[in-house]
Every structure is written in structure tokens, then in C-alpha cells.
Amino acid sequence: MTVLPLWRRGRRDAAAAPRSAELPREAVVFSGGGSLGAAQVGALQALYEAGITPDVVVGCSVGALNAAYLAVDPTAERVRELVELWRRMDRTDVFPDGRFSVARRLAGRDDHLYSNRGLKAVIAEGVPVADLAETRIPCHIVTTDLIAGEPAWWTTGRPEEVLLASACLPGMFEPVPLGDSLHVDGGVSCPVPTQHAIDLGARRVWVLDVAREFHGWADDRMTAMDVLLESFAISRSHLGRRSPIAGAHQQIVNLPPLRIGRHDLRDFSKTARLLAAGREAGRAMIAAERSRTQSAAKPAASAS
């Protein structure tokens, strides 16, 4: 496992609870998906309504931000705070630059089009710990090593760097130096990190994949950036469909499709709708899992 050293203690020393050496019972996996990450928060609300709380979280891209936010304090109150953070967020919080700045960087052959200062501010507000190792439950984050061309996993390190790298859309934001390499969005190599949660030994893995169904669009008004982002979304969607391999006593529970139609991952104007869609899908996911467990219990009861 690739980790960062404990470089800094500072902004807040979290009173992290001792972590159990036992294998996790409940894991929650957060996929990438840009502004679709709001639907993951709605699904989290459904999980907490049902009394299901994670022992470990695994995240990629925007899902890394949601995962780390929850890991700081995995309570229902924290989920409510995450809902409010998403309700306040708009496009300029993540993509703060205007057309002139973007055009200047494009003409200057920069390695990115948007400043990451907005994303840094979101991370600083949402994950107020000096190191990921200080969260109350383990938080596993994936980035993509731009030099090695492989996914890299992090359970410690400065959130402003690790989470920034995991959510670094290639070409949109500048690559993030981590260790001795440069890192970009975890969705490039591992958009839905379910297998990692399985490999951690979790008995049940709740997969909040909000990008499984392609929500793209195409028309004659598309810009070069639109084409790039839609192409990345298609690639991510196909990579995320790879079936993980679970053990005999492990269960994978997938979030149903959101059925929201066309959606631009940079569009933060539909947060309320996405939160509601995520809650609905989350409740359906939980109902299906309860039905499965009840059905599985009947033969055992009959045999006894």
C-alpha cells in the first residue's frame, strides 16, 4: 500500500478513536462522478436512516471527498452537515475561473485550465484534520500515478494533497505532486474501488456508484472541453463495470441506477434533485438487501 508520511500536524488534532484490528463489517465505496456526488450523500442519508454505519470508507475523485468528510466523524449529524455543504456548493466553488483565464492557460500551453484553489477551499472546510490517519474510521483514497500509469492507495497524508489529487480531473486541474511522482484523478485507473473494499475483508460492501449509467450528451454546441469530459465519462463508466471478486462470506450491494437523464458533471444546479434521487435509490438498495438476507435465512431456518 502506498502511503504518505505524517508531514504535518496543525489545523486540528482530531481525537481519533482507536481503530479496531478486526476486519470491517460494513464498508461504503464512493465512486467518482463530479456533481453526481450529491446523489451519494442522498444514499448515505438512506443508510443512516436504516441504522447502517460504515466501519471503513473507500473513495475515488468526488467520492474521495465524500468519504473523507464522513470518516472524520461517521455520524448522522455529520451526514446532515454534508448535505448542507452540497446544497451551498455551486460551479464557481469548484471551477472558479472565467473564460479569459481558461483561454490564457490554453494559449500558454499550461497543464491545466482551471485553478484548484476552489477545490482546495472545499477540502479545507470539509476535512478539518491535519492527516487522513486522524479520521475516526479508516479512509482509503485512490489516485492515479501519472508516471507509473497505475492506481495508488492512501490512508494517510495531508487531505489538501491526497484528496486534491484524487479529484484532479486531467487537463482541468494541475497534477498533484505526491511522493516522487505526479498524481491525477483516481477515476482514470479505478473509478469504482469496490475490489479494494473487498480486499480489506469487509463482510458487506455498499457501492455508491453514481456514474455507472452514462449520463452524457452530444450536439453541435459541444466545445472541445465538453468532448474531452464526455469521453472521460464514457471511459470511467466502462471501467467501473468490471466485476469485483468477493469471498464466500462477503456481499456486494450496489446502488440502483439514478435514472436522471443527461447530466453535466460540472453542473451543480441540480443538487436538490440529485440528493432526492440518491435517497430513493439508497432506500431501494437497502430494501433489496434486506429481502435477500430474509430469503437466505428461510432455508437455514427450515433445515434446523
C-alpha atoms as a PDB file:
ATOM      1  CA  MET A   1       0.000   0.000   0.000  1.00  0.00           C
ATOM      2  CA  THR A   2       1.288   3.445  -0.885  1.00  0.00           C
ATOM      3  CA  VAL A   3       1.040   5.993   1.918  1.00  0.00           C
ATOM      4  CA  LEU A   4       2.288   9.460   2.676  1.00  0.00           C
ATOM      5  CA  PRO A   5       4.345  10.217   5.768  1.00  0.00           C
ATOM      6  CA  LEU A   6       2.812  12.264   8.535  1.00  0.00           C
ATOM      7  CA  TRP A   7       4.125  15.554   7.188  1.00  0.00           C
ATOM      8  CA  ARG A   8       2.087  17.945   9.221  1.00  0.00           C
ATOM      9  CA  ARG A   9       0.132  18.256  12.437  1.00  0.00           C
ATOM     10  CA  GLY A  10      -1.648  21.524  12.670  1.00  0.00           C
ATOM     11  CA  ARG A  11      -5.050  22.799  11.811  1.00  0.00           C
ATOM     12  CA  ARG A  12      -6.891  20.487  14.149  1.00  0.00           C
ATOM     13  CA  ASP A  13      -5.705  17.455  16.102  1.00  0.00           C
ATOM     14  CA  ALA A  14      -8.671  15.136  15.749  1.00  0.00           C
ATOM     15  CA  ALA A  15      -9.476  12.980  18.748  1.00  0.00           C
ATOM     16  CA  ALA A  16      -9.492   9.864  16.616  1.00  0.00           C
ATOM     17  CA  ALA A  17     -10.994   6.804  18.247  1.00  0.00           C
ATOM     18  CA  PRO A  18      -8.759   3.725  18.406  1.00  0.00           C
ATOM     19  CA  ARG A  19      -9.212   1.646  15.278  1.00  0.00           C
ATOM     20  CA  SER A  20     -10.203  -1.951  15.714  1.00  0.00           C
ATOM     21  CA  ALA A  21      -7.890  -4.663  14.436  1.00  0.00           C
ATOM     22  CA  GLU A  22     -10.924  -6.716  13.446  1.00  0.00           C
ATOM     23  CA  LEU A  23     -11.986  -6.956   9.823  1.00  0.00           C
ATOM     24  CA  PRO A  24     -14.605  -4.332   8.911  1.00  0.00           C
ATOM     25  CA  ARG A  25     -18.211  -5.461   8.822  1.00  0.00           C
ATOM     26  CA  GLU A  26     -19.683  -2.609   6.765  1.00  0.00           C
ATOM     27  CA  ALA A  27     -17.774  -0.764   4.036  1.00  0.00           C
ATOM     28  CA  VAL A  28     -19.061   2.058   1.853  1.00  0.00           C
ATOM     29  CA  VAL A  29     -17.488   2.660  -1.556  1.00  0.00           C
ATOM     30  CA  PHE A  30     -17.803   6.065  -3.227  1.00  0.00           C
ATOM     31  CA  SER A  31     -17.249   6.289  -6.990  1.00  0.00           C
ATOM     32  CA  GLY A  32     -16.217   9.327  -8.985  1.00  0.00           C
ATOM     33  CA  GLY A  33     -18.785  11.384 -10.832  1.00  0.00           C
ATOM     34  CA  GLY A  34     -18.354  15.139 -10.379  1.00  0.00           C
ATOM     35  CA  SER A  35     -21.536  16.884  -9.267  1.00  0.00           C
ATOM     36  CA  LEU A  36     -23.284  13.485  -9.236  1.00  0.00           C
ATOM     37  CA  GLY A  37     -21.529  13.086  -5.884  1.00  0.00           C
ATOM     38  CA  ALA A  38     -24.595  14.752  -4.356  1.00  0.00           C
ATOM     39  CA  ALA A  39     -26.543  11.556  -5.041  1.00  0.00           C
ATOM     40  CA  GLN A  40     -24.037   9.616  -2.914  1.00  0.00           C
ATOM     41  CA  VAL A  41     -24.908  11.877   0.008  1.00  0.00           C
ATOM     42  CA  GLY A  42     -28.602  11.141  -0.503  1.00  0.00           C
ATOM     43  CA  ALA A  43     -27.800   7.417  -0.438  1.00  0.00           C
ATOM     44  CA  LEU A  44     -25.801   7.947   2.759  1.00  0.00           C
ATOM     45  CA  GLN A  45     -28.892   9.502   4.325  1.00  0.00           C
ATOM     46  CA  ALA A  46     -30.816   6.317   3.479  1.00  0.00           C
ATOM     47  CA  LEU A  47     -28.099   4.124   5.015  1.00  0.00           C
ATOM     48  CA  TYR A  48     -28.107   6.085   8.266  1.00  0.00           C
ATOM     49  CA  GLU A  49     -31.923   6.114   8.368  1.00  0.00           C
ATOM     50  CA  ALA A  50     -31.700   2.318   8.298  1.00  0.00           C
ATOM     51  CA  GLY A  51     -29.110   2.232  11.080  1.00  0.00           C
ATOM     52  CA  ILE A  52     -26.273   1.172   8.778  1.00  0.00           C
ATOM     53  CA  THR A  53     -22.967   2.872   9.598  1.00  0.00           C
ATOM     54  CA  PRO A  54     -19.622   2.136   7.939  1.00  0.00           C
ATOM     55  CA  ASP A  55     -16.547   0.725   9.621  1.00  0.00           C
ATOM     56  CA  VAL A  56     -14.400   1.817   6.673  1.00  0.00           C
ATOM     57  CA  VAL A  57     -14.846   4.049   3.627  1.00  0.00           C
ATOM     58  CA  VAL A  58     -13.169   3.842   0.217  1.00  0.00           C
ATOM     59  CA  GLY A  59     -13.321   6.757  -2.212  1.00  0.00           C
ATOM     60  CA  CYS A  60     -12.346   7.978  -5.653  1.00  0.00           C
ATOM     61  CA  SER A  61     -12.447  11.514  -7.070  1.00  0.00           C
ATOM     62  CA  VAL A  62     -15.509  13.383  -5.741  1.00  0.00           C
ATOM     63  CA  GLY A  63     -16.294  10.208  -3.825  1.00  0.00           C
ATOM     64  CA  ALA A  64     -12.950  10.603  -2.051  1.00  0.00           C
ATOM     65  CA  LEU A  65     -14.128  13.961  -0.721  1.00  0.00           C
ATOM     66  CA  ASN A  66     -17.432  12.483   0.468  1.00  0.00           C
ATOM     67  CA  ALA A  67     -15.640   9.503   2.023  1.00  0.00           C
ATOM     68  CA  ALA A  68     -13.114  11.628   3.901  1.00  0.00           C
ATOM     69  CA  TYR A  69     -15.788  14.058   5.094  1.00  0.00           C
ATOM     70  CA  LEU A  70     -17.737  11.174   6.618  1.00  0.00           C
ATOM     71  CA  ALA A  71     -14.675   9.407   8.015  1.00  0.00           C
ATOM     72  CA  VAL A  72     -13.832  12.421  10.190  1.00  0.00           C
ATOM     73  CA  ASP A  73     -16.987  11.733  12.247  1.00  0.00           C
ATOM     74  CA  PRO A  74     -19.220   8.930  10.887  1.00  0.00           C
ATOM     75  CA  THR A  75     -22.468  10.072  12.488  1.00  0.00           C
ATOM     76  CA  ALA A  76     -25.924  11.001  11.241  1.00  0.00           C
ATOM     77  CA  GLU A  77     -25.258  14.618  12.239  1.00  0.00           C
ATOM     78  CA  ARG A  78     -22.153  14.653  10.069  1.00  0.00           C
ATOM     79  CA  VAL A  79     -24.195  13.356   7.133  1.00  0.00           C
ATOM     80  CA  ARG A  80     -26.665  16.216   7.648  1.00  0.00           C
ATOM     81  CA  GLU A  81     -23.761  18.665   7.582  1.00  0.00           C
ATOM     82  CA  LEU A  82     -22.533  17.091   4.347  1.00  0.00           C
ATOM     83  CA  VAL A  83     -25.982  17.580   2.830  1.00  0.00           C
ATOM     84  CA  GLU A  84     -25.829  21.282   3.691  1.00  0.00           C
ATOM     85  CA  LEU A  85     -22.325  21.606   2.258  1.00  0.00           C
ATOM     86  CA  TRP A  86     -23.567  20.191  -1.040  1.00  0.00           C
ATOM     87  CA  ARG A  87     -26.620  22.454  -1.017  1.00  0.00           C
ATOM     88  CA  ARG A  88     -24.368  25.522  -0.722  1.00  0.00           C
ATOM     89  CA  MET A  89     -21.960  24.448  -3.437  1.00  0.00           C
ATOM     90  CA  ASP A  90     -22.111  25.840  -6.951  1.00  0.00           C
ATOM     91  CA  ARG A  91     -19.995  25.570 -10.056  1.00  0.00           C
ATOM     92  CA  THR A  92     -17.741  28.519  -9.207  1.00  0.00           C
ATOM     93  CA  ASP A  93     -16.751  26.844  -5.927  1.00  0.00           C
ATOM     94  CA  VAL A  94     -15.040  24.089  -7.913  1.00  0.00           C
ATOM     95  CA  PHE A  95     -14.320  25.808 -11.238  1.00  0.00           C
ATOM     96  CA  PRO A  96     -13.569  29.403 -10.145  1.00  0.00           C
ATOM     97  CA  ASP A  97     -12.051  30.807 -13.318  1.00  0.00           C
ATOM     98  CA  GLY A  98     -13.755  32.689 -16.130  1.00  0.00           C
ATOM     99  CA  ARG A  99     -13.313  32.194 -19.855  1.00  0.00           C
ATOM    100  CA  PHE A 100     -10.437  34.662 -20.091  1.00  0.00           C
ATOM    101  CA  SER A 101      -8.318  32.793 -17.537  1.00  0.00           C
ATOM    102  CA  VAL A 102      -9.088  29.465 -19.186  1.00  0.00           C
ATOM    103  CA  ALA A 103      -8.208  30.829 -22.636  1.00  0.00           C
ATOM    104  CA  ARG A 104      -4.964  32.311 -21.294  1.00  0.00           C
ATOM    105  CA  ARG A 105      -3.868  28.976 -19.859  1.00  0.00           C
ATOM    106  CA  LEU A 106      -4.830  27.198 -23.060  1.00  0.00           C
ATOM    107  CA  ALA A 107      -2.799  29.643 -25.150  1.00  0.00           C
ATOM    108  CA  GLY A 108       0.097  29.412 -22.698  1.00  0.00           C
ATOM    109  CA  ARG A 109       0.231  25.612 -23.044  1.00  0.00           C
ATOM    110  CA  ASP A 110      -0.332  25.132 -19.314  1.00  0.00           C
ATOM    111  CA  ASP A 111      -1.003  21.624 -17.993  1.00  0.00           C
ATOM    112  CA  HIS A 112      -4.417  22.684 -16.657  1.00  0.00           C
ATOM    113  CA  LEU A 113      -7.293  25.030 -17.451  1.00  0.00           C
ATOM    114  CA  TYR A 114      -8.714  25.810 -14.007  1.00  0.00           C
ATOM    115  CA  SER A 115      -7.135  26.870 -10.745  1.00  0.00           C
ATOM    116  CA  ASN A 116      -7.547  24.317  -7.973  1.00  0.00           C
ATOM    117  CA  ARG A 117      -7.965  26.987  -5.282  1.00  0.00           C
ATOM    118  CA  GLY A 118     -11.724  26.423  -5.135  1.00  0.00           C
ATOM    119  CA  LEU A 119     -11.328  22.684  -4.685  1.00  0.00           C
ATOM    120  CA  LYS A 120      -8.680  23.273  -2.018  1.00  0.00           C
ATOM    121  CA  ALA A 121     -11.097  25.501  -0.110  1.00  0.00           C
ATOM    122  CA  VAL A 122     -13.835  22.843  -0.272  1.00  0.00           C
ATOM    123  CA  ILE A 123     -11.411  20.238   1.100  1.00  0.00           C
ATOM    124  CA  ALA A 124     -10.137  22.536   3.848  1.00  0.00           C
ATOM    125  CA  GLU A 125     -13.677  23.249   5.021  1.00  0.00           C
ATOM    126  CA  GLY A 126     -14.932  19.695   4.784  1.00  0.00           C
ATOM    127  CA  VAL A 127     -11.996  17.666   6.107  1.00  0.00           C
ATOM    128  CA  PRO A 128     -10.543  19.621   9.063  1.00  0.00           C
ATOM    129  CA  VAL A 129      -7.821  17.177  10.075  1.00  0.00           C
ATOM    130  CA  ALA A 130      -4.093  17.526   9.579  1.00  0.00           C
ATOM    131  CA  ASP A 131      -3.711  13.980   8.288  1.00  0.00           C
ATOM    132  CA  LEU A 132      -6.042  11.326   6.882  1.00  0.00           C
ATOM    133  CA  ALA A 133      -4.727   8.948   9.527  1.00  0.00           C
ATOM    134  CA  GLU A 134      -6.616  11.018  12.128  1.00  0.00           C
ATOM    135  CA  THR A 135     -10.123  10.219  10.866  1.00  0.00           C
ATOM    136  CA  ARG A 136     -12.334   8.213  13.232  1.00  0.00           C
ATOM    137  CA  ILE A 137     -12.720   5.314  10.799  1.00  0.00           C
ATOM    138  CA  PRO A 138     -10.198   4.192   8.176  1.00  0.00           C
ATOM    139  CA  CYS A 139     -10.393   6.156   4.946  1.00  0.00           C
ATOM    140  CA  HIS A 140      -8.835   4.675   1.791  1.00  0.00           C
ATOM    141  CA  ILE A 141      -8.323   7.029  -1.167  1.00  0.00           C
ATOM    142  CA  VAL A 142      -7.228   6.179  -4.700  1.00  0.00           C
ATOM    143  CA  THR A 143      -5.287   8.423  -7.077  1.00  0.00           C
ATOM    144  CA  THR A 144      -3.698   7.684 -10.443  1.00  0.00           C
ATOM    145  CA  ASP A 145       0.082   7.862 -10.716  1.00  0.00           C
ATOM    146  CA  LEU A 146       0.599   9.814 -13.915  1.00  0.00           C
ATOM    147  CA  ILE A 147       4.148   8.498 -14.373  1.00  0.00           C
ATOM    148  CA  ALA A 148       3.652   4.818 -13.479  1.00  0.00           C
ATOM    149  CA  GLY A 149       0.187   4.641 -15.022  1.00  0.00           C
ATOM    150  CA  GLU A 150      -1.187   2.759 -12.016  1.00  0.00           C
ATOM    151  CA  PRO A 151      -3.619   3.395  -9.160  1.00  0.00           C
ATOM    152  CA  ALA A 152      -2.050   4.427  -5.843  1.00  0.00           C
ATOM    153  CA  TRP A 153      -3.704   3.991  -2.454  1.00  0.00           C
ATOM    154  CA  TRP A 154      -3.504   6.352   0.505  1.00  0.00           C
ATOM    155  CA  THR A 155      -4.634   6.028   4.098  1.00  0.00           C
ATOM    156  CA  THR A 156      -2.502   8.843   5.472  1.00  0.00           C
ATOM    157  CA  GLY A 157      -1.190  12.167   4.266  1.00  0.00           C
ATOM    158  CA  ARG A 158      -2.385  15.753   4.055  1.00  0.00           C
ATOM    159  CA  PRO A 159      -6.007  15.856   2.855  1.00  0.00           C
ATOM    160  CA  GLU A 160      -5.294  19.017   0.839  1.00  0.00           C
ATOM    161  CA  GLU A 161      -2.900  16.966  -1.278  1.00  0.00           C
ATOM    162  CA  VAL A 162      -4.291  13.431  -1.340  1.00  0.00           C
ATOM    163  CA  LEU A 163      -7.935  14.433  -1.887  1.00  0.00           C
ATOM    164  CA  LEU A 164      -6.934  17.143  -4.345  1.00  0.00           C
ATOM    165  CA  ALA A 165      -5.044  14.547  -6.385  1.00  0.00           C
ATOM    166  CA  SER A 166      -7.913  12.042  -6.296  1.00  0.00           C
ATOM    167  CA  ALA A 167     -10.310  14.687  -7.652  1.00  0.00           C
ATOM    168  CA  CYS A 168      -7.833  16.153 -10.160  1.00  0.00           C
ATOM    169  CA  LEU A 169      -9.654  15.879 -13.485  1.00  0.00           C
ATOM    170  CA  PRO A 170      -6.888  15.513 -16.099  1.00  0.00           C
ATOM    171  CA  GLY A 171      -6.441  18.710 -18.062  1.00  0.00           C
ATOM    172  CA  MET A 172      -8.907  20.588 -15.876  1.00  0.00           C
ATOM    173  CA  PHE A 173      -6.663  20.846 -12.802  1.00  0.00           C
ATOM    174  CA  GLU A 174      -2.893  20.649 -12.482  1.00  0.00           C
ATOM    175  CA  PRO A 175      -1.397  17.277 -11.476  1.00  0.00           C
ATOM    176  CA  VAL A 176      -0.556  16.996  -7.783  1.00  0.00           C
ATOM    177  CA  PRO A 177       2.951  16.022  -6.600  1.00  0.00           C
ATOM    178  CA  LEU A 178       2.754  13.138  -4.131  1.00  0.00           C
ATOM    179  CA  GLY A 179       5.862  11.303  -3.051  1.00  0.00           C
ATOM    180  CA  ASP A 180       8.188  11.175  -6.043  1.00  0.00           C
ATOM    181  CA  SER A 181       5.525  11.277  -8.754  1.00  0.00           C
ATOM    182  CA  LEU A 182       2.606  13.283 -10.123  1.00  0.00           C
ATOM    183  CA  HIS A 183      -0.969  12.175  -9.497  1.00  0.00           C
ATOM    184  CA  VAL A 184      -4.340  12.822 -11.130  1.00  0.00           C
ATOM    185  CA  ASP A 185      -7.944  11.705 -10.726  1.00  0.00           C
ATOM    186  CA  GLY A 186      -8.370   8.216  -9.284  1.00  0.00           C
ATOM    187  CA  GLY A 187     -11.174   7.665 -11.786  1.00  0.00           C
ATOM    188  CA  VAL A 188      -8.628   7.343 -14.582  1.00  0.00           C
ATOM    189  CA  SER A 189      -7.482   3.967 -13.243  1.00  0.00           C
ATOM    190  CA  CYS A 190     -10.035   2.895 -10.617  1.00  0.00           C
ATOM    191  CA  PRO A 191     -13.362   4.751 -10.894  1.00  0.00           C
ATOM    192  CA  VAL A 192     -15.295   2.387  -8.598  1.00  0.00           C
ATOM    193  CA  PRO A 193     -12.896   0.934  -5.991  1.00  0.00           C
ATOM    194  CA  THR A 194     -15.107  -1.941  -4.863  1.00  0.00           C
ATOM    195  CA  GLN A 195     -12.378  -4.560  -5.112  1.00  0.00           C
ATOM    196  CA  HIS A 196     -10.243  -2.630  -2.659  1.00  0.00           C
ATOM    197  CA  ALA A 197     -13.025  -2.748  -0.058  1.00  0.00           C
ATOM    198  CA  ILE A 198     -13.378  -6.484  -0.672  1.00  0.00           C
ATOM    199  CA  ASP A 199      -9.627  -6.959  -0.274  1.00  0.00           C
ATOM    200  CA  LEU A 200      -9.831  -5.172   3.099  1.00  0.00           C
ATOM    201  CA  GLY A 201     -12.022  -8.049   4.245  1.00  0.00           C
ATOM    202  CA  ALA A 202     -15.310  -6.186   4.616  1.00  0.00           C
ATOM    203  CA  ARG A 203     -18.235  -8.556   5.093  1.00  0.00           C
ATOM    204  CA  ARG A 204     -20.670  -6.281   3.293  1.00  0.00           C
ATOM    205  CA  VAL A 205     -19.780  -3.576   0.784  1.00  0.00           C
ATOM    206  CA  TRP A 206     -22.267  -0.858  -0.123  1.00  0.00           C
ATOM    207  CA  VAL A 207     -21.278   0.527  -3.530  1.00  0.00           C
ATOM    208  CA  LEU A 208     -22.464   4.077  -4.204  1.00  0.00           C
ATOM    209  CA  ASP A 209     -21.592   4.157  -7.899  1.00  0.00           C
ATOM    210  CA  VAL A 210     -23.291   7.215  -9.364  1.00  0.00           C
ATOM    211  CA  ALA A 211     -21.503   7.082 -12.724  1.00  0.00           C
ATOM    212  CA  ARG A 212     -22.326   3.517 -13.765  1.00  0.00           C
ATOM    213  CA  GLU A 213     -25.045   4.692 -16.121  1.00  0.00           C
ATOM    214  CA  PHE A 214     -23.641   7.038 -18.731  1.00  0.00           C
ATOM    215  CA  HIS A 215     -25.368  10.411 -18.406  1.00  0.00           C
ATOM    216  CA  GLY A 216     -23.773  12.024 -21.441  1.00  0.00           C
ATOM    217  CA  TRP A 217     -24.978  14.129 -24.282  1.00  0.00           C
ATOM    218  CA  ALA A 218     -23.849  15.287 -27.717  1.00  0.00           C
ATOM    219  CA  ASP A 219     -24.912  18.092 -30.015  1.00  0.00           C
ATOM    220  CA  ASP A 220     -23.397  20.700 -32.303  1.00  0.00           C
ATOM    221  CA  ARG A 221     -22.847  23.141 -29.417  1.00  0.00           C
ATOM    222  CA  MET A 222     -20.224  20.970 -27.721  1.00  0.00           C
ATOM    223  CA  THR A 223     -16.836  22.552 -27.079  1.00  0.00           C
ATOM    224  CA  ALA A 224     -13.511  20.725 -27.129  1.00  0.00           C
ATOM    225  CA  MET A 225     -13.669  20.555 -23.312  1.00  0.00           C
ATOM    226  CA  ASP A 226     -17.180  19.050 -23.488  1.00  0.00           C
ATOM    227  CA  VAL A 227     -15.909  16.342 -25.819  1.00  0.00           C
ATOM    228  CA  LEU A 228     -12.954  15.618 -23.519  1.00  0.00           C
ATOM    229  CA  LEU A 229     -15.129  15.340 -20.401  1.00  0.00           C
ATOM    230  CA  GLU A 230     -17.777  13.226 -22.091  1.00  0.00           C
ATOM    231  CA  SER A 231     -15.097  10.884 -23.412  1.00  0.00           C
ATOM    232  CA  PHE A 232     -13.629  10.574 -19.912  1.00  0.00           C
ATOM    233  CA  ALA A 233     -17.108   9.837 -18.538  1.00  0.00           C
ATOM    234  CA  ILE A 234     -17.596   7.050 -21.090  1.00  0.00           C
ATOM    235  CA  SER A 235     -14.226   5.501 -20.227  1.00  0.00           C
ATOM    236  CA  ARG A 236     -14.932   5.756 -16.499  1.00  0.00           C
ATOM    237  CA  SER A 237     -18.362   4.188 -16.937  1.00  0.00           C
ATOM    238  CA  HIS A 238     -16.927   1.170 -18.760  1.00  0.00           C
ATOM    239  CA  LEU A 239     -14.042   0.704 -16.314  1.00  0.00           C
ATOM    240  CA  GLY A 240     -16.500   0.808 -13.427  1.00  0.00           C
ATOM    241  CA  ARG A 241     -18.454  -2.144 -14.799  1.00  0.00           C
ATOM    242  CA  ARG A 242     -15.663  -4.626 -14.112  1.00  0.00           C
ATOM    243  CA  SER A 243     -16.990  -7.238 -11.711  1.00  0.00           C
ATOM    244  CA  PRO A 244     -15.153  -7.443  -8.380  1.00  0.00           C
ATOM    245  CA  ILE A 245     -14.295 -10.847  -6.906  1.00  0.00           C
ATOM    246  CA  ALA A 246     -15.740 -11.392  -3.447  1.00  0.00           C
ATOM    247  CA  GLY A 247     -15.141 -14.161  -0.926  1.00  0.00           C
ATOM    248  CA  ALA A 248     -17.720 -16.737   0.090  1.00  0.00           C
ATOM    249  CA  HIS A 249     -18.913 -14.733   3.086  1.00  0.00           C
ATOM    250  CA  GLN A 250     -18.747 -11.290   1.515  1.00  0.00           C
ATOM    251  CA  GLN A 251     -21.668  -9.422  -0.009  1.00  0.00           C
ATOM    252  CA  ILE A 252     -21.622  -6.577  -2.526  1.00  0.00           C
ATOM    253  CA  VAL A 253     -24.687  -4.311  -2.569  1.00  0.00           C
ATOM    254  CA  ASN A 254     -24.959  -1.894  -5.491  1.00  0.00           C
ATOM    255  CA  LEU A 255     -26.860   1.372  -5.692  1.00  0.00           C
ATOM    256  CA  PRO A 256     -29.576   1.107  -8.383  1.00  0.00           C
ATOM    257  CA  PRO A 257     -29.403   3.425 -11.418  1.00  0.00           C
ATOM    258  CA  LEU A 258     -30.371   7.025 -10.681  1.00  0.00           C
ATOM    259  CA  ARG A 259     -32.387   7.491 -13.883  1.00  0.00           C
ATOM    260  CA  ILE A 260     -31.776  11.224 -14.046  1.00  0.00           C
ATOM    261  CA  GLY A 261     -31.118  11.523 -17.772  1.00  0.00           C
ATOM    262  CA  ARG A 262     -28.479  13.780 -19.272  1.00  0.00           C
ATOM    263  CA  HIS A 263     -26.179  15.436 -16.732  1.00  0.00           C
ATOM    264  CA  ASP A 264     -23.016  17.532 -16.981  1.00  0.00           C
ATOM    265  CA  LEU A 265     -20.596  16.644 -14.167  1.00  0.00           C
ATOM    266  CA  ARG A 266     -19.828  20.387 -13.816  1.00  0.00           C
ATOM    267  CA  ASP A 267     -23.496  21.267 -13.222  1.00  0.00           C
ATOM    268  CA  PHE A 268     -24.181  21.962  -9.535  1.00  0.00           C
ATOM    269  CA  SER A 269     -27.629  23.467 -10.109  1.00  0.00           C
ATOM    270  CA  LYS A 270     -29.477  20.152  -9.643  1.00  0.00           C
ATOM    271  CA  THR A 271     -28.191  19.234  -6.196  1.00  0.00           C
ATOM    272  CA  ALA A 272     -31.629  19.021  -4.556  1.00  0.00           C
ATOM    273  CA  ARG A 273     -32.837  16.671  -7.294  1.00  0.00           C
ATOM    274  CA  LEU A 274     -29.698  14.524  -7.035  1.00  0.00           C
ATOM    275  CA  LEU A 275     -29.951  14.287  -3.239  1.00  0.00           C
ATOM    276  CA  ALA A 276     -33.546  13.094  -3.593  1.00  0.00           C
ATOM    277  CA  ALA A 277     -32.637  10.625  -6.337  1.00  0.00           C
ATOM    278  CA  GLY A 278     -29.814   9.266  -4.191  1.00  0.00           C
ATOM    279  CA  ARG A 279     -32.104   8.810  -1.177  1.00  0.00           C
ATOM    280  CA  GLU A 280     -34.670   6.984  -3.308  1.00  0.00           C
ATOM    281  CA  ALA A 281     -32.017   4.734  -4.850  1.00  0.00           C
ATOM    282  CA  GLY A 282     -30.433   4.148  -1.432  1.00  0.00           C
ATOM    283  CA  ARG A 283     -33.732   3.066   0.109  1.00  0.00           C
ATOM    284  CA  ALA A 284     -34.322   0.704  -2.811  1.00  0.00           C
ATOM    285  CA  MET A 285     -30.809  -0.719  -2.378  1.00  0.00           C
ATOM    286  CA  ILE A 286     -31.409  -1.354   1.334  1.00  0.00           C
ATOM    287  CA  ALA A 287     -34.831  -2.913   0.722  1.00  0.00           C
ATOM    288  CA  ALA A 288     -33.376  -5.287  -1.864  1.00  0.00           C
ATOM    289  CA  GLU A 289     -30.566  -6.302   0.506  1.00  0.00           C
ATOM    290  CA  ARG A 290     -32.986  -6.935   3.373  1.00  0.00           C
ATOM    291  CA  SER A 291     -35.154  -9.035   1.091  1.00  0.00           C
ATOM    292  CA  ARG A 292     -32.095 -11.038   0.069  1.00  0.00           C
ATOM    293  CA  THR A 293     -30.993 -11.668   3.651  1.00  0.00           C
ATOM    294  CA  GLN A 294     -34.510 -12.697   4.697  1.00  0.00           C
ATOM    295  CA  SER A 295     -34.746 -15.114   1.773  1.00  0.00           C
ATOM    296  CA  ALA A 296     -31.333 -16.564   2.624  1.00  0.00           C
ATOM    297  CA  ALA A 297     -32.373 -17.057   6.243  1.00  0.00           C
ATOM    298  CA  LYS A 298     -35.503 -19.080   5.401  1.00  0.00           C
ATOM    299  CA  PRO A 299     -33.733 -22.229   4.082  1.00  0.00           C
ATOM    300  CA  ALA A 300     -31.442 -22.194   7.122  1.00  0.00           C
ATOM    301  CA  ALA A 301     -34.433 -21.973   9.456  1.00  0.00           C
ATOM    302  CA  SER A 302     -36.192 -24.804   7.618  1.00  0.00           C
ATOM    303  CA  ALA A 303     -33.108 -27.013   7.843  1.00  0.00           C
ATOM    304  CA  SER A 304     -32.955 -26.546  11.598  1.00  0.00           C
END
